[in-house]
ModelCIF file with pLDDT and N, C-alpha, C, O atoms, coordinates in Angstrom:
data_MODEL
#
_entry.id   MODEL 
#
_entity.id                         1 
_entity.type                       polymer 
_entity.pdbx_number_of_molecules   1 
#
_entity_poly.entity_id                      1 
_entity_poly.type                           'polypeptide(L)' 
_entity_poly.nstd_linkage                   no 
_entity_poly.nstd_monomer                   no 
_entity_poly.pdbx_seq_one_letter_code       
;(UNK)(UNK)(UNK)(UNK)(UNK)(UNK)(UNK)(UNK)(UNK)(UNK)(UNK)(UNK)(UNK)(UNK)(UNK)(UNK)
(UNK)(UNK)(UNK)(UNK)(UNK)(UNK)(UNK)(UNK)(UNK)(UNK)(UNK)(UNK)(UNK)(UNK)(UNK)(UNK)
(UNK)(UNK)(UNK)(UNK)(UNK)(UNK)
;
_entity_poly.pdbx_seq_one_letter_code_can   XXXXXXXXXXXXXXXXXXXXXXXXXXXXXXXXXXXXXX 
_entity_poly.pdbx_strand_id                 A 
#
loop_
_entity_poly_seq.entity_id 
_entity_poly_seq.num 
_entity_poly_seq.mon_id 
_entity_poly_seq.hetero 
1 1  UNK n 
1 2  UNK n 
1 3  UNK n 
1 4  UNK n 
1 5  UNK n 
1 6  UNK n 
1 7  UNK n 
1 8  UNK n 
1 9  UNK n 
1 10 UNK n 
1 11 UNK n 
1 12 UNK n 
1 13 UNK n 
1 14 UNK n 
1 15 UNK n 
1 16 UNK n 
1 17 UNK n 
1 18 UNK n 
1 19 UNK n 
1 20 UNK n 
1 21 UNK n 
1 22 UNK n 
1 23 UNK n 
1 24 UNK n 
1 25 UNK n 
1 26 UNK n 
1 27 UNK n 
1 28 UNK n 
1 29 UNK n 
1 30 UNK n 
1 31 UNK n 
1 32 UNK n 
1 33 UNK n 
1 34 UNK n 
1 35 UNK n 
1 36 UNK n 
1 37 UNK n 
1 38 UNK n 
#
_struct_asym.id          A 
_struct_asym.entity_id   1 
#
loop_
_ma_qa_metric.id 
_ma_qa_metric.mode 
_ma_qa_metric.name 
_ma_qa_metric.software_group_id 
_ma_qa_metric.type 
1 global pLDDT . pLDDT 
2 local  pLDDT . pLDDT 
#
_ma_qa_metric_global.metric_id      1 
_ma_qa_metric_global.metric_value   94.53 
_ma_qa_metric_global.model_id       1 
_ma_qa_metric_global.ordinal_id     1 
#
loop_
_ma_qa_metric_local.label_asym_id 
_ma_qa_metric_local.label_comp_id 
_ma_qa_metric_local.label_seq_id 
_ma_qa_metric_local.metric_id 
_ma_qa_metric_local.metric_value 
_ma_qa_metric_local.model_id 
_ma_qa_metric_local.ordinal_id 
A UNK 1  2 93.00 1 1  
A UNK 2  2 90.00 1 2  
A UNK 3  2 91.00 1 3  
A UNK 4  2 92.00 1 4  
A UNK 5  2 95.00 1 5  
A UNK 6  2 95.00 1 6  
A UNK 7  2 96.00 1 7  
A UNK 8  2 96.00 1 8  
A UNK 9  2 96.00 1 9  
A UNK 10 2 95.00 1 10 
A UNK 11 2 96.00 1 11 
A UNK 12 2 96.00 1 12 
A UNK 13 2 96.00 1 13 
A UNK 14 2 96.00 1 14 
A UNK 15 2 96.00 1 15 
A UNK 16 2 96.00 1 16 
A UNK 17 2 97.00 1 17 
A UNK 18 2 98.00 1 18 
A UNK 19 2 98.00 1 19 
A UNK 20 2 98.00 1 20 
A UNK 21 2 97.00 1 21 
A UNK 22 2 97.00 1 22 
A UNK 23 2 95.00 1 23 
A UNK 24 2 94.00 1 24 
A UNK 25 2 92.00 1 25 
A UNK 26 2 92.00 1 26 
A UNK 27 2 92.00 1 27 
A UNK 28 2 93.00 1 28 
A UNK 29 2 94.00 1 29 
A UNK 30 2 94.00 1 30 
A UNK 31 2 93.00 1 31 
A UNK 32 2 91.00 1 32 
A UNK 33 2 93.00 1 33 
A UNK 34 2 93.00 1 34 
A UNK 35 2 92.00 1 35 
A UNK 36 2 93.00 1 36 
A UNK 37 2 95.00 1 37 
A UNK 38 2 96.00 1 38 
#
loop_
_atom_site.group_PDB 
_atom_site.id 
_atom_site.type_symbol 
_atom_site.label_atom_id 
_atom_site.label_alt_id 
_atom_site.label_comp_id 
_atom_site.label_asym_id 
_atom_site.label_entity_id 
_atom_site.label_seq_id 
_atom_site.pdbx_PDB_ins_code 
_atom_site.Cartn_x 
_atom_site.Cartn_y 
_atom_site.Cartn_z 
_atom_site.occupancy 
_atom_site.B_iso_or_equiv 
_atom_site.pdbx_formal_charge 
_atom_site.auth_seq_id 
_atom_site.auth_comp_id 
_atom_site.auth_asym_id 
_atom_site.auth_atom_id 
_atom_site.pdbx_PDB_model_num 
ATOM 1   N N  . UNK A 1 1  ? -64.825 -12.006 24.125 1.00 93.00 ? 1  UNK A N  1 
ATOM 2   C CA . UNK A 1 1  ? -66.199 -12.236 24.534 1.00 93.00 ? 1  UNK A CA 1 
ATOM 3   C C  . UNK A 1 1  ? -66.874 -13.190 23.521 1.00 93.00 ? 1  UNK A C  1 
ATOM 4   O O  . UNK A 1 1  ? -66.221 -13.708 22.615 1.00 93.00 ? 1  UNK A O  1 
ATOM 5   N N  . UNK A 1 2  ? -68.164 -13.404 23.689 1.00 90.00 ? 2  UNK A N  1 
ATOM 6   C CA . UNK A 1 2  ? -68.877 -14.371 22.840 1.00 90.00 ? 2  UNK A CA 1 
ATOM 7   C C  . UNK A 1 2  ? -68.977 -13.929 21.382 1.00 90.00 ? 2  UNK A C  1 
ATOM 8   O O  . UNK A 1 2  ? -69.291 -14.745 20.515 1.00 90.00 ? 2  UNK A O  1 
ATOM 9   N N  . UNK A 1 3  ? -68.715 -12.645 21.095 1.00 91.00 ? 3  UNK A N  1 
ATOM 10  C CA . UNK A 1 3  ? -68.710 -12.152 19.747 1.00 91.00 ? 3  UNK A CA 1 
ATOM 11  C C  . UNK A 1 3  ? -67.314 -12.158 19.123 1.00 91.00 ? 3  UNK A C  1 
ATOM 12  O O  . UNK A 1 3  ? -67.146 -11.829 17.949 1.00 91.00 ? 3  UNK A O  1 
ATOM 13  N N  . UNK A 1 4  ? -66.335 -12.530 19.912 1.00 92.00 ? 4  UNK A N  1 
ATOM 14  C CA . UNK A 1 4  ? -64.950 -12.547 19.442 1.00 92.00 ? 4  UNK A CA 1 
ATOM 15  C C  . UNK A 1 4  ? -64.222 -11.271 19.670 1.00 92.00 ? 4  UNK A C  1 
ATOM 16  O O  . UNK A 1 4  ? -63.072 -11.150 19.247 1.00 92.00 ? 4  UNK A O  1 
ATOM 17  N N  . UNK A 1 5  ? -64.845 -10.269 20.341 1.00 95.00 ? 5  UNK A N  1 
ATOM 18  C CA . UNK A 1 5  ? -64.188 -9.008  20.610 1.00 95.00 ? 5  UNK A CA 1 
ATOM 19  C C  . UNK A 1 5  ? -63.277 -9.193  21.812 1.00 95.00 ? 5  UNK A C  1 
ATOM 20  O O  . UNK A 1 5  ? -63.713 -9.681  22.855 1.00 95.00 ? 5  UNK A O  1 
ATOM 21  N N  . UNK A 1 6  ? -62.021 -8.808  21.672 1.00 95.00 ? 6  UNK A N  1 
ATOM 22  C CA . UNK A 1 6  ? -61.065 -8.916  22.759 1.00 95.00 ? 6  UNK A CA 1 
ATOM 23  C C  . UNK A 1 6  ? -61.133 -7.750  23.696 1.00 95.00 ? 6  UNK A C  1 
ATOM 24  O O  . UNK A 1 6  ? -61.103 -6.601  23.255 1.00 95.00 ? 6  UNK A O  1 
ATOM 25  N N  . UNK A 1 7  ? -61.223 -8.010  24.980 1.00 96.00 ? 7  UNK A N  1 
ATOM 26  C CA . UNK A 1 7  ? -61.329 -6.919  26.025 1.00 96.00 ? 7  UNK A CA 1 
ATOM 27  C C  . UNK A 1 7  ? -60.067 -7.013  26.917 1.00 96.00 ? 7  UNK A C  1 
ATOM 28  O O  . UNK A 1 7  ? -59.566 -8.092  27.233 1.00 96.00 ? 7  UNK A O  1 
ATOM 29  N N  . UNK A 1 8  ? -59.602 -5.845  27.289 1.00 96.00 ? 8  UNK A N  1 
ATOM 30  C CA . UNK A 1 8  ? -58.443 -5.708  28.179 1.00 96.00 ? 8  UNK A CA 1 
ATOM 31  C C  . UNK A 1 8  ? -58.928 -5.209  29.553 1.00 96.00 ? 8  UNK A C  1 
ATOM 32  O O  . UNK A 1 8  ? -59.608 -4.188  29.656 1.00 96.00 ? 8  UNK A O  1 
ATOM 33  N N  . UNK A 1 9  ? -58.563 -5.947  30.582 1.00 96.00 ? 9  UNK A N  1 
ATOM 34  C CA . UNK A 1 9  ? -58.952 -5.554  31.946 1.00 96.00 ? 9  UNK A CA 1 
ATOM 35  C C  . UNK A 1 9  ? -58.396 -4.191  32.300 1.00 96.00 ? 9  UNK A C  1 
ATOM 36  O O  . UNK A 1 9  ? -59.104 -3.357  32.864 1.00 96.00 ? 9  UNK A O  1 
ATOM 37  N N  . UNK A 1 10 ? -57.104 -3.951  31.967 1.00 95.00 ? 10 UNK A N  1 
ATOM 38  C CA . UNK A 1 10 ? -56.502 -2.697  32.285 1.00 95.00 ? 10 UNK A CA 1 
ATOM 39  C C  . UNK A 1 10 ? -57.198 -1.503  31.614 1.00 95.00 ? 10 UNK A C  1 
ATOM 40  O O  . UNK A 1 10 ? -57.356 -0.446  32.226 1.00 95.00 ? 10 UNK A O  1 
ATOM 41  N N  . UNK A 1 11 ? -57.600 -1.676  30.388 1.00 96.00 ? 11 UNK A N  1 
ATOM 42  C CA . UNK A 1 11 ? -58.331 -0.610  29.696 1.00 96.00 ? 11 UNK A CA 1 
ATOM 43  C C  . UNK A 1 11 ? -59.647 -0.354  30.368 1.00 96.00 ? 11 UNK A C  1 
ATOM 44  O O  . UNK A 1 11 ? -60.021 0.794   30.609 1.00 96.00 ? 11 UNK A O  1 
ATOM 45  N N  . UNK A 1 12 ? -60.365 -1.439  30.679 1.00 96.00 ? 12 UNK A N  1 
ATOM 46  C CA . UNK A 1 12 ? -61.709 -1.287  31.297 1.00 96.00 ? 12 UNK A CA 1 
ATOM 47  C C  . UNK A 1 12 ? -61.649 -0.661  32.673 1.00 96.00 ? 12 UNK A C  1 
ATOM 48  O O  . UNK A 1 12 ? -62.497 0.167   33.006 1.00 96.00 ? 12 UNK A O  1 
ATOM 49  N N  . UNK A 1 13 ? -60.659 -1.036  33.490 1.00 96.00 ? 13 UNK A N  1 
ATOM 50  C CA . UNK A 1 13 ? -60.578 -0.489  34.863 1.00 96.00 ? 13 UNK A CA 1 
ATOM 51  C C  . UNK A 1 13 ? -60.375 1.023   34.838 1.00 96.00 ? 13 UNK A C  1 
ATOM 52  O O  . UNK A 1 13 ? -60.862 1.722   35.727 1.00 96.00 ? 13 UNK A O  1 
ATOM 53  N N  . UNK A 1 14 ? -59.672 1.532   33.848 1.00 96.00 ? 14 UNK A N  1 
ATOM 54  C CA . UNK A 1 14 ? -59.429 2.980   33.787 1.00 96.00 ? 14 UNK A CA 1 
ATOM 55  C C  . UNK A 1 14 ? -60.696 3.798   33.506 1.00 96.00 ? 14 UNK A C  1 
ATOM 56  O O  . UNK A 1 14 ? -60.752 5.001   33.761 1.00 96.00 ? 14 UNK A O  1 
ATOM 57  N N  . UNK A 1 15 ? -61.702 3.109   32.976 1.00 96.00 ? 15 UNK A N  1 
ATOM 58  C CA . UNK A 1 15 ? -62.957 3.786   32.558 1.00 96.00 ? 15 UNK A CA 1 
ATOM 59  C C  . UNK A 1 15 ? -63.956 3.936   33.737 1.00 96.00 ? 15 UNK A C  1 
ATOM 60  O O  . UNK A 1 15 ? -64.922 4.691   33.629 1.00 96.00 ? 15 UNK A O  1 
ATOM 61  N N  . UNK A 1 16 ? -63.731 3.244   34.819 1.00 96.00 ? 16 UNK A N  1 
ATOM 62  C CA . UNK A 1 16 ? -64.737 3.131   35.868 1.00 96.00 ? 16 UNK A CA 1 
ATOM 63  C C  . UNK A 1 16 ? -64.223 3.554   37.234 1.00 96.00 ? 16 UNK A C  1 
ATOM 64  O O  . UNK A 1 16 ? -63.022 3.555   37.504 1.00 96.00 ? 16 UNK A O  1 
ATOM 65  N N  . UNK A 1 17 ? -65.168 3.911   38.080 1.00 97.00 ? 17 UNK A N  1 
ATOM 66  C CA . UNK A 1 17 ? -64.820 4.220   39.472 1.00 97.00 ? 17 UNK A CA 1 
ATOM 67  C C  . UNK A 1 17 ? -64.285 2.939   40.175 1.00 97.00 ? 17 UNK A C  1 
ATOM 68  O O  . UNK A 1 17 ? -63.361 2.995   40.986 1.00 97.00 ? 17 UNK A O  1 
ATOM 69  N N  . UNK A 1 18 ? -64.887 1.823   39.837 1.00 98.00 ? 18 UNK A N  1 
ATOM 70  C CA . UNK A 1 18 ? -64.472 0.559   40.408 1.00 98.00 ? 18 UNK A CA 1 
ATOM 71  C C  . UNK A 1 18 ? -64.887 -0.545  39.452 1.00 98.00 ? 18 UNK A C  1 
ATOM 72  O O  . UNK A 1 18 ? -65.962 -0.480  38.856 1.00 98.00 ? 18 UNK A O  1 
ATOM 73  N N  . UNK A 1 19 ? -64.046 -1.554  39.303 1.00 98.00 ? 19 UNK A N  1 
ATOM 74  C CA . UNK A 1 19 ? -64.336 -2.723  38.452 1.00 98.00 ? 19 UNK A CA 1 
ATOM 75  C C  . UNK A 1 19 ? -64.283 -3.965  39.344 1.00 98.00 ? 19 UNK A C  1 
ATOM 76  O O  . UNK A 1 19 ? -63.368 -4.155  40.145 1.00 98.00 ? 19 UNK A O  1 
ATOM 77  N N  . UNK A 1 20 ? -65.315 -4.805  39.163 1.00 98.00 ? 20 UNK A N  1 
ATOM 78  C CA . UNK A 1 20 ? -65.382 -6.092  39.822 1.00 98.00 ? 20 UNK A CA 1 
ATOM 79  C C  . UNK A 1 20 ? -64.959 -7.140  38.855 1.00 98.00 ? 20 UNK A C  1 
ATOM 80  O O  . UNK A 1 20 ? -65.645 -7.384  37.862 1.00 98.00 ? 20 UNK A O  1 
ATOM 81  N N  . UNK A 1 21 ? -63.840 -7.773  39.119 1.00 97.00 ? 21 UNK A N  1 
ATOM 82  C CA . UNK A 1 21 ? -63.350 -8.897  38.283 1.00 97.00 ? 21 UNK A CA 1 
ATOM 83  C C  . UNK A 1 21 ? -63.878 -10.180 38.948 1.00 97.00 ? 21 UNK A C  1 
ATOM 84  O O  . UNK A 1 21 ? -63.672 -10.432 40.135 1.00 97.00 ? 21 UNK A O  1 
ATOM 85  N N  . UNK A 1 22 ? -64.553 -10.954 38.138 1.00 97.00 ? 22 UNK A N  1 
ATOM 86  C CA . UNK A 1 22 ? -65.121 -12.246 38.631 1.00 97.00 ? 22 UNK A CA 1 
ATOM 87  C C  . UNK A 1 22 ? -64.499 -13.381 37.789 1.00 97.00 ? 22 UNK A C  1 
ATOM 88  O O  . UNK A 1 22 ? -64.537 -13.370 36.559 1.00 97.00 ? 22 UNK A O  1 
ATOM 89  N N  . UNK A 1 23 ? -63.948 -14.319 38.486 1.00 95.00 ? 23 UNK A N  1 
ATOM 90  C CA . UNK A 1 23 ? -63.526 -15.560 37.840 1.00 95.00 ? 23 UNK A CA 1 
ATOM 91  C C  . UNK A 1 23 ? -64.573 -16.633 38.209 1.00 95.00 ? 23 UNK A C  1 
ATOM 92  O O  . UNK A 1 23 ? -64.873 -16.871 39.379 1.00 95.00 ? 23 UNK A O  1 
ATOM 93  N N  . UNK A 1 24 ? -65.096 -17.249 37.182 1.00 94.00 ? 24 UNK A N  1 
ATOM 94  C CA . UNK A 1 24 ? -66.199 -18.187 37.418 1.00 94.00 ? 24 UNK A CA 1 
ATOM 95  C C  . UNK A 1 24 ? -66.166 -19.284 36.323 1.00 94.00 ? 24 UNK A C  1 
ATOM 96  O O  . UNK A 1 24 ? -65.318 -19.270 35.430 1.00 94.00 ? 24 UNK A O  1 
ATOM 97  N N  . UNK A 1 25 ? -67.103 -20.213 36.426 1.00 92.00 ? 25 UNK A N  1 
ATOM 98  C CA . UNK A 1 25 ? -67.242 -21.257 35.428 1.00 92.00 ? 25 UNK A CA 1 
ATOM 99  C C  . UNK A 1 25 ? -68.738 -21.747 35.416 1.00 92.00 ? 25 UNK A C  1 
ATOM 100 O O  . UNK A 1 25 ? -69.409 -21.762 36.448 1.00 92.00 ? 25 UNK A O  1 
ATOM 101 N N  . UNK A 1 26 ? -69.199 -22.125 34.256 1.00 92.00 ? 26 UNK A N  1 
ATOM 102 C CA . UNK A 1 26 ? -70.584 -22.531 34.147 1.00 92.00 ? 26 UNK A CA 1 
ATOM 103 C C  . UNK A 1 26 ? -70.883 -23.787 34.987 1.00 92.00 ? 26 UNK A C  1 
ATOM 104 O O  . UNK A 1 26 ? -72.010 -23.956 35.451 1.00 92.00 ? 26 UNK A O  1 
ATOM 105 N N  . UNK A 1 27 ? -69.891 -24.665 35.188 1.00 92.00 ? 27 UNK A N  1 
ATOM 106 C CA . UNK A 1 27 ? -70.054 -25.878 35.943 1.00 92.00 ? 27 UNK A CA 1 
ATOM 107 C C  . UNK A 1 27 ? -69.972 -25.669 37.450 1.00 92.00 ? 27 UNK A C  1 
ATOM 108 O O  . UNK A 1 27 ? -70.239 -26.599 38.210 1.00 92.00 ? 27 UNK A O  1 
ATOM 109 N N  . UNK A 1 28 ? -69.611 -24.473 37.897 1.00 93.00 ? 28 UNK A N  1 
ATOM 110 C CA . UNK A 1 28 ? -69.428 -24.134 39.306 1.00 93.00 ? 28 UNK A CA 1 
ATOM 111 C C  . UNK A 1 28 ? -70.772 -23.759 39.923 1.00 93.00 ? 28 UNK A C  1 
ATOM 112 O O  . UNK A 1 28 ? -71.326 -22.700 39.628 1.00 93.00 ? 28 UNK A O  1 
ATOM 113 N N  . UNK A 1 29 ? -71.287 -24.629 40.774 1.00 94.00 ? 29 UNK A N  1 
ATOM 114 C CA . UNK A 1 29 ? -72.601 -24.415 41.392 1.00 94.00 ? 29 UNK A CA 1 
ATOM 115 C C  . UNK A 1 29 ? -72.582 -23.165 42.250 1.00 94.00 ? 29 UNK A C  1 
ATOM 116 O O  . UNK A 1 29 ? -73.533 -22.384 42.218 1.00 94.00 ? 29 UNK A O  1 
ATOM 117 N N  . UNK A 1 30 ? -71.521 -22.958 43.014 1.00 94.00 ? 30 UNK A N  1 
ATOM 118 C CA . UNK A 1 30 ? -71.445 -21.762 43.899 1.00 94.00 ? 30 UNK A CA 1 
ATOM 119 C C  . UNK A 1 30 ? -71.423 -20.510 43.023 1.00 94.00 ? 30 UNK A C  1 
ATOM 120 O O  . UNK A 1 30 ? -72.035 -19.510 43.398 1.00 94.00 ? 30 UNK A O  1 
ATOM 121 N N  . UNK A 1 31 ? -70.749 -20.521 41.883 1.00 93.00 ? 31 UNK A N  1 
ATOM 122 C CA . UNK A 1 31 ? -70.738 -19.376 40.963 1.00 93.00 ? 31 UNK A CA 1 
ATOM 123 C C  . UNK A 1 31 ? -72.160 -19.047 40.530 1.00 93.00 ? 31 UNK A C  1 
ATOM 124 O O  . UNK A 1 31 ? -72.600 -17.899 40.603 1.00 93.00 ? 31 UNK A O  1 
ATOM 125 N N  . UNK A 1 32 ? -72.850 -20.049 40.088 1.00 91.00 ? 32 UNK A N  1 
ATOM 126 C CA . UNK A 1 32 ? -74.214 -19.855 39.582 1.00 91.00 ? 32 UNK A CA 1 
ATOM 127 C C  . UNK A 1 32 ? -75.187 -19.359 40.681 1.00 91.00 ? 32 UNK A C  1 
ATOM 128 O O  . UNK A 1 32 ? -76.142 -18.626 40.420 1.00 91.00 ? 32 UNK A O  1 
ATOM 129 N N  . UNK A 1 33 ? -74.889 -19.802 41.924 1.00 93.00 ? 33 UNK A N  1 
ATOM 130 C CA . UNK A 1 33 ? -75.710 -19.294 43.053 1.00 93.00 ? 33 UNK A CA 1 
ATOM 131 C C  . UNK A 1 33 ? -75.448 -17.860 43.352 1.00 93.00 ? 33 UNK A C  1 
ATOM 132 O O  . UNK A 1 33 ? -76.372 -17.145 43.738 1.00 93.00 ? 33 UNK A O  1 
ATOM 133 N N  . UNK A 1 34 ? -74.202 -17.382 43.192 1.00 93.00 ? 34 UNK A N  1 
ATOM 134 C CA . UNK A 1 34 ? -73.832 -15.996 43.449 1.00 93.00 ? 34 UNK A CA 1 
ATOM 135 C C  . UNK A 1 34 ? -74.316 -15.018 42.377 1.00 93.00 ? 34 UNK A C  1 
ATOM 136 O O  . UNK A 1 34 ? -74.611 -13.867 42.697 1.00 93.00 ? 34 UNK A O  1 
ATOM 137 N N  . UNK A 1 35 ? -74.404 -15.441 41.127 1.00 92.00 ? 35 UNK A N  1 
ATOM 138 C CA . UNK A 1 35 ? -74.686 -14.584 40.030 1.00 92.00 ? 35 UNK A CA 1 
ATOM 139 C C  . UNK A 1 35 ? -75.969 -13.727 40.121 1.00 92.00 ? 35 UNK A C  1 
ATOM 140 O O  . UNK A 1 35 ? -75.945 -12.549 39.763 1.00 92.00 ? 35 UNK A O  1 
ATOM 141 N N  . UNK A 1 36 ? -77.093 -14.314 40.602 1.00 93.00 ? 36 UNK A N  1 
ATOM 142 C CA . UNK A 1 36 ? -78.283 -13.452 40.730 1.00 93.00 ? 36 UNK A CA 1 
ATOM 143 C C  . UNK A 1 36 ? -78.099 -12.260 41.655 1.00 93.00 ? 36 UNK A C  1 
ATOM 144 O O  . UNK A 1 36 ? -78.605 -11.172 41.381 1.00 93.00 ? 36 UNK A O  1 
ATOM 145 N N  . UNK A 1 37 ? -77.372 -12.465 42.756 1.00 95.00 ? 37 UNK A N  1 
ATOM 146 C CA . UNK A 1 37 ? -77.098 -11.327 43.673 1.00 95.00 ? 37 UNK A CA 1 
ATOM 147 C C  . UNK A 1 37 ? -76.195 -10.334 43.004 1.00 95.00 ? 37 UNK A C  1 
ATOM 148 O O  . UNK A 1 37 ? -76.386 -9.128  43.160 1.00 95.00 ? 37 UNK A O  1 
ATOM 149 N N  . UNK A 1 38 ? -75.207 -10.804 42.256 1.00 96.00 ? 38 UNK A N  1 
ATOM 150 C CA . UNK A 1 38 ? -74.262 -9.939  41.558 1.00 96.00 ? 38 UNK A CA 1 
ATOM 151 C C  . UNK A 1 38 ? -75.059 -9.113  40.528 1.00 96.00 ? 38 UNK A C  1 
ATOM 152 O O  . UNK A 1 38 ? -74.479 -8.300  39.807 1.00 96.00 ? 38 UNK A O  1 
#
């Protein structure tokens, strides 16, 4: 993450009822449009 802490998707998914994995980019206009709803 932005603080340098490494996160594991598998570890995180086990902690939650459901995990939403999002692949995005700052330059992606469609991504930026979707983020407020997310």
